[in-house]
N, C-alpha and C. Protein backbone atom coordinates (compact mmCIF):
# COMPACT_ATOMS: atom_id res chain seq x y z
N MET A 1 13.69 -4.01 -5.48
CA MET A 1 12.90 -2.81 -6.50
C MET A 1 13.44 -3.44 -7.92
N TYR A 2 12.53 -2.90 -8.83
CA TYR A 2 12.96 -3.40 -10.50
C TYR A 2 13.97 -2.18 -10.78
N ASN A 3 15.29 -2.39 -10.95
CA ASN A 3 16.47 -1.70 -11.26
C ASN A 3 16.66 -1.43 -12.69
N MET A 4 15.97 -2.05 -13.41
CA MET A 4 16.51 -1.76 -15.17
C MET A 4 16.88 -0.21 -15.33
N TYR A 5 16.18 0.53 -15.18
CA TYR A 5 16.39 1.99 -15.29
C TYR A 5 16.71 2.81 -14.34
N TYR A 6 17.69 2.20 -13.46
CA TYR A 6 18.04 2.81 -12.02
C TYR A 6 19.23 3.88 -12.74
N GLU A 7 19.88 3.75 -13.19
CA GLU A 7 21.05 4.68 -13.88
C GLU A 7 20.09 5.86 -14.53
N ASN A 8 19.16 5.85 -15.01
CA ASN A 8 18.20 6.70 -15.75
C ASN A 8 17.63 7.27 -14.28
N GLY A 9 17.16 7.20 -13.47
CA GLY A 9 16.26 7.47 -11.99
C GLY A 9 15.21 7.41 -12.17
N VAL A 10 14.69 6.23 -12.99
CA VAL A 10 13.52 5.57 -12.88
C VAL A 10 13.19 4.13 -12.12
N ILE A 11 12.52 3.89 -10.95
CA ILE A 11 12.70 2.89 -10.21
C ILE A 11 10.93 2.37 -9.89
N ILE A 12 10.86 1.43 -9.96
CA ILE A 12 9.52 0.53 -9.65
C ILE A 12 9.46 -0.31 -8.97
N ALA A 13 8.40 -0.44 -8.07
CA ALA A 13 8.08 -1.51 -7.16
C ALA A 13 6.94 -1.92 -7.20
N PRO A 14 6.42 -3.51 -7.14
CA PRO A 14 7.03 -4.42 -6.99
C PRO A 14 8.18 -4.98 -8.34
N ASN A 15 9.06 -5.71 -8.17
CA ASN A 15 9.89 -6.01 -8.83
C ASN A 15 9.12 -7.00 -10.00
N VAL A 16 8.31 -7.89 -10.14
CA VAL A 16 7.31 -8.41 -10.89
C VAL A 16 5.88 -7.82 -10.67
N LEU A 17 5.64 -6.80 -11.97
CA LEU A 17 4.57 -6.29 -11.97
C LEU A 17 3.36 -7.45 -12.94
N VAL A 18 2.20 -7.29 -11.93
CA VAL A 18 1.11 -8.16 -12.28
C VAL A 18 -0.44 -7.38 -12.51
N LYS A 19 -1.31 -7.62 -13.56
CA LYS A 19 -2.24 -6.68 -14.02
C LYS A 19 -3.13 -7.09 -12.61
N GLY A 20 -3.65 -5.80 -12.53
CA GLY A 20 -4.48 -5.83 -11.06
C GLY A 20 -4.08 -5.12 -9.84
N ASP A 21 -2.56 -5.21 -9.94
CA ASP A 21 -2.01 -5.00 -8.66
C ASP A 21 -1.59 -3.44 -8.86
N ASN A 22 -1.05 -2.91 -7.51
CA ASN A 22 -0.39 -1.75 -7.58
C ASN A 22 0.79 -1.59 -7.48
N ALA A 23 1.58 -0.35 -8.18
CA ALA A 23 2.52 -0.38 -8.32
C ALA A 23 3.74 0.90 -7.91
N SER A 24 4.67 1.16 -7.21
CA SER A 24 5.07 2.55 -7.00
C SER A 24 6.16 2.82 -8.07
N VAL A 25 6.11 4.00 -8.34
CA VAL A 25 6.93 4.83 -9.14
C VAL A 25 7.86 5.60 -9.18
N ILE A 26 9.26 5.65 -8.37
CA ILE A 26 10.11 6.80 -8.23
C ILE A 26 10.97 7.40 -9.78
N TYR A 27 10.59 8.58 -9.46
CA TYR A 27 11.52 9.49 -10.67
C TYR A 27 12.44 10.04 -9.84
N LYS A 28 13.80 9.84 -10.16
CA LYS A 28 14.79 10.86 -10.25
C LYS A 28 15.67 11.08 -10.86
N GLY A 29 15.18 11.54 -12.23
CA GLY A 29 15.79 11.42 -13.75
C GLY A 29 16.14 12.86 -13.76
N ILE A 30 16.42 13.11 -14.79
CA ILE A 30 16.97 14.51 -15.65
C ILE A 30 16.32 15.52 -15.24
N LEU A 31 14.59 15.71 -15.51
CA LEU A 31 13.98 16.40 -15.08
C LEU A 31 14.19 16.81 -13.47
N SER A 32 13.97 15.76 -12.57
CA SER A 32 14.37 16.33 -11.09
C SER A 32 15.45 16.88 -11.24
N ASN A 33 16.62 15.95 -11.60
CA ASN A 33 17.97 16.57 -11.47
C ASN A 33 18.04 18.66 -11.75
N SER A 34 17.34 18.66 -12.77
CA SER A 34 17.36 19.73 -12.82
C SER A 34 16.60 20.75 -12.92
N GLY A 35 16.22 20.61 -11.56
CA GLY A 35 15.23 21.69 -10.58
C GLY A 35 13.64 21.76 -11.11
N ALA A 36 13.08 20.49 -11.79
CA ALA A 36 11.70 20.42 -11.74
C ALA A 36 10.99 20.97 -10.69
N GLY A 37 10.22 21.72 -10.87
CA GLY A 37 9.39 21.78 -9.45
C GLY A 37 8.00 20.80 -9.50
N SER A 38 7.78 20.54 -10.74
CA SER A 38 6.78 19.50 -10.91
C SER A 38 7.01 18.46 -11.49
N VAL A 39 6.66 16.99 -11.29
CA VAL A 39 6.93 16.23 -12.25
C VAL A 39 5.55 15.54 -13.06
N TYR A 40 5.15 15.19 -14.22
CA TYR A 40 4.17 14.32 -14.36
C TYR A 40 4.62 12.93 -15.49
N MET A 41 4.00 11.79 -15.08
CA MET A 41 4.31 10.52 -15.13
C MET A 41 3.05 10.19 -16.45
N HIS A 42 3.60 10.11 -17.73
CA HIS A 42 2.75 9.62 -19.06
C HIS A 42 2.86 8.37 -18.84
N VAL A 43 1.69 7.33 -19.01
CA VAL A 43 1.80 5.91 -18.73
C VAL A 43 0.84 5.85 -19.75
N GLY A 44 0.96 4.28 -20.34
CA GLY A 44 0.48 3.68 -21.55
C GLY A 44 0.68 2.45 -21.57
N TYR A 45 0.15 1.37 -22.43
CA TYR A 45 0.14 -0.05 -22.84
C TYR A 45 0.29 -0.53 -23.78
N GLY A 46 1.42 -1.44 -24.32
CA GLY A 46 1.34 -2.01 -25.30
C GLY A 46 2.40 -0.96 -25.97
N ASP A 47 2.38 -1.33 -27.58
CA ASP A 47 3.49 -0.69 -28.39
C ASP A 47 2.71 0.76 -28.95
N LYS A 48 1.13 0.57 -29.08
CA LYS A 48 0.37 1.85 -29.44
C LYS A 48 0.05 2.77 -28.02
N TRP A 49 0.69 2.77 -26.94
CA TRP A 49 0.42 3.45 -25.81
C TRP A 49 -1.19 3.52 -25.66
N GLU A 50 -1.76 2.12 -25.47
CA GLU A 50 -3.48 2.17 -25.22
C GLU A 50 -3.52 2.76 -24.10
N ASN A 51 -4.67 3.33 -23.22
CA ASN A 51 -5.16 3.51 -22.20
C ASN A 51 -4.45 4.77 -21.42
N THR A 52 -3.78 5.45 -22.22
CA THR A 52 -2.73 6.47 -21.51
C THR A 52 -3.82 7.44 -20.62
N LYS A 53 -2.58 7.62 -19.31
CA LYS A 53 -3.36 8.63 -18.53
C LYS A 53 -1.64 9.76 -18.07
N ASP A 54 -1.94 10.48 -17.72
CA ASP A 54 -0.70 11.46 -17.43
C ASP A 54 -1.18 11.63 -15.82
N LEU A 55 -0.31 11.50 -14.88
CA LEU A 55 -0.55 11.80 -13.27
C LEU A 55 0.91 12.53 -12.89
N LYS A 56 0.33 13.38 -11.87
CA LYS A 56 1.01 14.45 -11.17
C LYS A 56 1.59 13.43 -10.28
N MET A 57 3.12 13.64 -9.91
CA MET A 57 3.76 13.01 -9.21
C MET A 57 3.91 14.00 -8.06
N ARG A 58 3.86 13.28 -6.88
CA ARG A 58 4.44 14.03 -5.69
C ARG A 58 5.90 14.24 -5.55
N LYS A 59 6.18 15.08 -4.79
CA LYS A 59 7.60 15.20 -4.43
C LYS A 59 7.95 14.78 -3.20
N SER A 60 9.54 14.23 -3.18
CA SER A 60 9.45 13.12 -1.89
C SER A 60 10.87 13.65 -1.60
N ASP A 61 11.40 12.94 -0.69
CA ASP A 61 12.80 13.45 -0.61
C ASP A 61 13.72 12.14 -1.31
N GLU A 62 13.21 11.44 -1.93
CA GLU A 62 13.64 10.73 -3.18
C GLU A 62 13.77 11.20 -4.43
N GLY A 63 12.73 12.16 -4.58
CA GLY A 63 12.59 12.40 -6.05
C GLY A 63 10.90 12.82 -6.10
N PHE A 64 10.85 12.32 -7.27
CA PHE A 64 9.09 12.40 -6.95
C PHE A 64 8.60 10.77 -7.52
N GLU A 65 7.18 10.75 -7.23
CA GLU A 65 6.90 9.47 -6.84
C GLU A 65 5.47 9.48 -7.39
N ALA A 66 4.80 8.46 -7.71
CA ALA A 66 3.57 8.23 -7.71
C ALA A 66 2.77 6.46 -7.73
N ASP A 67 1.74 6.46 -7.06
CA ASP A 67 1.16 5.01 -7.30
C ASP A 67 0.53 4.80 -8.33
N ILE A 68 0.12 3.83 -9.24
CA ILE A 68 -0.29 3.01 -9.99
C ILE A 68 -1.02 2.10 -9.83
N GLU A 69 -2.09 1.59 -10.34
CA GLU A 69 -2.68 0.27 -10.61
C GLU A 69 -2.58 -0.22 -11.90
N ILE A 70 -1.54 -1.45 -11.99
CA ILE A 70 -1.55 -2.14 -13.15
C ILE A 70 -2.62 -2.87 -14.07
N ALA A 71 -3.12 -1.78 -15.20
CA ALA A 71 -4.64 -1.87 -15.52
C ALA A 71 -4.65 -2.65 -17.02
N SER A 72 -3.33 -3.52 -16.99
CA SER A 72 -3.30 -4.50 -18.51
C SER A 72 -2.60 -5.02 -18.46
N ASP A 73 -2.37 -6.67 -18.77
CA ASP A 73 -1.24 -7.43 -19.08
C ASP A 73 -0.15 -7.01 -20.18
N GLN A 74 -0.21 -5.83 -20.83
CA GLN A 74 0.67 -5.68 -21.87
C GLN A 74 1.57 -4.54 -21.19
N PRO A 75 3.17 -5.02 -21.78
CA PRO A 75 4.31 -3.87 -21.25
C PRO A 75 3.37 -2.20 -20.94
N ILE A 76 3.98 -1.94 -20.01
CA ILE A 76 3.43 -0.68 -19.61
C ILE A 76 4.85 0.44 -19.71
N LYS A 77 4.28 1.45 -20.36
CA LYS A 77 5.20 2.59 -21.03
C LYS A 77 5.10 3.61 -19.99
N PHE A 78 6.37 4.02 -19.63
CA PHE A 78 6.49 5.53 -18.93
C PHE A 78 7.47 6.52 -19.68
N ALA A 79 6.84 8.04 -19.66
CA ALA A 79 7.65 8.97 -19.85
C ALA A 79 7.13 9.70 -18.91
N PHE A 80 8.25 11.35 -18.75
CA PHE A 80 7.66 12.16 -17.44
C PHE A 80 8.24 13.33 -18.64
N LYS A 81 7.28 14.39 -18.01
CA LYS A 81 7.41 15.43 -18.20
C LYS A 81 7.39 16.63 -17.30
N ASP A 82 7.85 17.94 -17.16
CA ASP A 82 7.85 18.61 -16.17
C ASP A 82 6.78 20.00 -16.53
N CYS A 83 6.93 20.77 -15.69
CA CYS A 83 5.33 21.81 -15.88
C CYS A 83 6.13 22.55 -17.38
N ALA A 84 7.07 22.66 -17.46
CA ALA A 84 8.17 23.58 -18.87
C ALA A 84 7.58 22.84 -20.08
N ASN A 85 7.16 21.73 -20.09
CA ASN A 85 6.76 20.90 -21.12
C ASN A 85 8.17 20.18 -21.84
N ASN A 86 9.15 20.15 -20.88
CA ASN A 86 10.09 19.29 -21.11
C ASN A 86 10.07 17.54 -20.57
N TRP A 87 10.52 16.90 -21.87
CA TRP A 87 10.36 15.46 -21.83
C TRP A 87 11.45 14.77 -21.21
N ASP A 88 11.29 13.75 -20.79
CA ASP A 88 12.60 12.19 -20.49
C ASP A 88 11.94 11.35 -20.69
N ASN A 89 11.73 10.78 -22.24
CA ASN A 89 11.32 9.54 -22.85
C ASN A 89 12.45 8.43 -22.91
N ASN A 90 13.51 8.86 -22.46
CA ASN A 90 14.63 7.58 -22.52
C ASN A 90 15.24 7.65 -23.72
N SER A 91 15.49 9.14 -24.31
CA SER A 91 15.75 8.94 -25.66
C SER A 91 15.09 8.82 -26.46
N GLY A 92 13.91 8.88 -26.50
CA GLY A 92 12.71 8.04 -27.55
C GLY A 92 12.26 6.58 -27.47
N ARG A 93 12.94 6.11 -26.55
CA ARG A 93 12.77 4.42 -26.11
C ARG A 93 11.69 4.22 -25.21
N ASN A 94 11.33 5.45 -24.54
CA ASN A 94 10.32 5.29 -23.34
C ASN A 94 11.28 4.39 -22.48
N TYR A 95 10.51 4.34 -21.03
CA TYR A 95 10.44 3.48 -19.93
C TYR A 95 9.77 2.08 -20.07
N THR A 96 10.13 0.97 -20.54
CA THR A 96 9.19 0.09 -20.71
C THR A 96 9.26 -1.13 -19.54
N PHE A 97 7.94 -1.98 -18.97
CA PHE A 97 8.49 -2.58 -18.15
C PHE A 97 7.25 -3.97 -18.28
N GLU A 98 7.67 -5.05 -18.08
CA GLU A 98 7.03 -6.11 -18.86
C GLU A 98 5.78 -6.52 -17.69
N VAL A 99 4.52 -7.02 -17.94
CA VAL A 99 3.49 -6.95 -16.78
C VAL A 99 2.93 -8.56 -17.05
N GLN A 100 2.90 -9.39 -16.27
CA GLN A 100 2.56 -10.37 -15.80
C GLN A 100 1.23 -10.44 -16.07
N SER A 101 0.44 -11.89 -16.30
CA SER A 101 -1.17 -11.76 -16.08
C SER A 101 -1.14 -12.75 -14.73
N ARG A 102 -2.10 -12.49 -13.82
CA ARG A 102 -2.07 -13.60 -12.70
C ARG A 102 -2.61 -14.81 -13.26
N LEU A 103 -2.25 -15.71 -12.60
CA LEU A 103 -2.62 -17.24 -13.00
C LEU A 103 -3.80 -17.66 -12.17
């Protein structure tokens, strides 16, 4: 698993993200640890947050989980919010992962 943000409770797999592939995201960050009943993952690509969408994550023993298709070769960004509109956006830096193009 890609552990760049492991200490923040954000884990993504596989280690190398490739446009067109699927990835799994586990969130067990501050919102999960504060007792959130539900968590939504805000997803976008590139510096301008293109192709954004919000996905409701599934509660699991690990925290909250979601599967996504990597739809762009631009870096993918995440932020998380709970149903009370509290956000975890990595102190304004967001959670950003590089994406590879298929050769």
